[in-house]
Amino acid sequence: MALYIVEITNSGITNGVRREKGMSVEVSCNSNPVSHNGGVLVYEAFDRKYGVDSKDGRFLTPGCYKVTRK
């Protein structure tokens, strides 16, 4: 499995959930973690690290994040 870093690239509020530029999580996955299984691994990682209910806020809208393979 590869290790991916998902980083927020711009600040904003989506459905009451605030995201800040530079927030990032590391996720272990076989493919792009945002598109794999609906991004569940990424949402859970943001919930664990930052305590935000990111799934309800559609936290990962297109263009607000970048995925890097480590």
Protein backbone atom coordinates (compact mmCIF):
# COMPACT_ATOMS: atom_id res chain seq x y z
CA MET A 1 0.00 0.00 0.00
CA ALA A 2 1.14 3.51 -0.76
CA LEU A 3 1.07 6.45 1.61
CA TYR A 4 -0.80 9.50 0.32
CA ILE A 5 -0.90 13.04 1.73
CA VAL A 6 -4.15 14.95 1.19
CA GLU A 7 -3.68 18.69 1.75
CA ILE A 8 -6.24 21.51 1.67
CA THR A 9 -5.12 24.17 -0.84
CA ASN A 10 -7.55 26.99 -0.02
CA SER A 11 -9.50 28.14 3.02
CA GLY A 12 -13.26 28.30 3.15
CA ILE A 13 -16.49 27.21 4.77
CA THR A 14 -18.67 24.54 3.17
CA ASN A 15 -22.00 23.72 4.81
CA GLY A 16 -20.77 25.10 8.13
CA VAL A 17 -17.48 23.17 8.13
CA ARG A 18 -14.39 25.36 8.08
CA ARG A 19 -11.27 24.25 6.25
CA GLU A 20 -7.93 26.03 6.43
CA LYS A 21 -5.19 26.07 3.83
CA GLY A 22 -2.44 23.68 4.88
CA MET A 23 -4.59 21.19 6.80
CA SER A 24 -3.36 17.76 5.80
CA VAL A 25 -3.69 14.07 6.61
CA GLU A 26 -1.76 10.95 5.66
CA VAL A 27 -3.71 7.97 4.36
CA SER A 28 -2.52 4.51 3.36
CA CYS A 29 -4.36 3.23 0.28
CA ASN A 30 -3.81 1.27 -2.95
CA SER A 31 -5.08 4.11 -5.17
CA ASN A 32 -6.11 7.76 -4.91
CA PRO A 33 -7.75 7.89 -1.44
CA VAL A 34 -10.19 10.67 -2.38
CA SER A 35 -11.79 8.62 -5.15
CA HIS A 36 -11.39 5.21 -3.46
CA ASN A 37 -14.55 4.08 -1.65
CA GLY A 38 -16.06 7.57 -1.71
CA GLY A 39 -13.14 9.12 0.19
CA VAL A 40 -14.14 7.46 3.46
CA LEU A 41 -10.52 6.99 4.56
CA VAL A 42 -9.79 10.67 4.03
CA TYR A 43 -12.93 11.83 5.83
CA GLU A 44 -12.14 9.59 8.79
CA ALA A 45 -8.54 10.85 8.90
CA PHE A 46 -9.70 14.50 9.00
CA ASP A 47 -12.22 13.60 11.70
CA ARG A 48 -9.51 11.94 13.82
CA LYS A 49 -6.89 14.66 13.38
CA TYR A 50 -8.99 17.84 13.42
CA GLY A 51 -12.28 16.78 14.99
CA VAL A 52 -14.40 18.05 12.10
CA ASP A 53 -17.39 16.20 10.73
CA SER A 54 -16.01 16.55 7.23
CA LYS A 55 -18.31 14.10 5.44
CA ASP A 56 -21.48 16.09 6.18
CA GLY A 57 -19.80 19.31 5.08
CA ARG A 58 -18.67 18.01 1.71
CA PHE A 59 -15.22 18.93 2.91
CA LEU A 60 -13.37 17.74 -0.18
CA THR A 61 -14.93 19.73 -2.97
CA PRO A 62 -13.10 19.61 -6.32
CA GLY A 63 -10.22 22.07 -6.52
CA CYS A 64 -9.77 22.59 -2.77
CA TYR A 65 -7.24 19.82 -2.15
CA LYS A 66 -4.19 18.15 -3.62
CA VAL A 67 -3.15 14.52 -3.30
CA THR A 68 0.53 13.62 -3.18
CA ARG A 69 1.97 10.14 -3.10
CA LYS A 70 4.72 9.93 -0.50
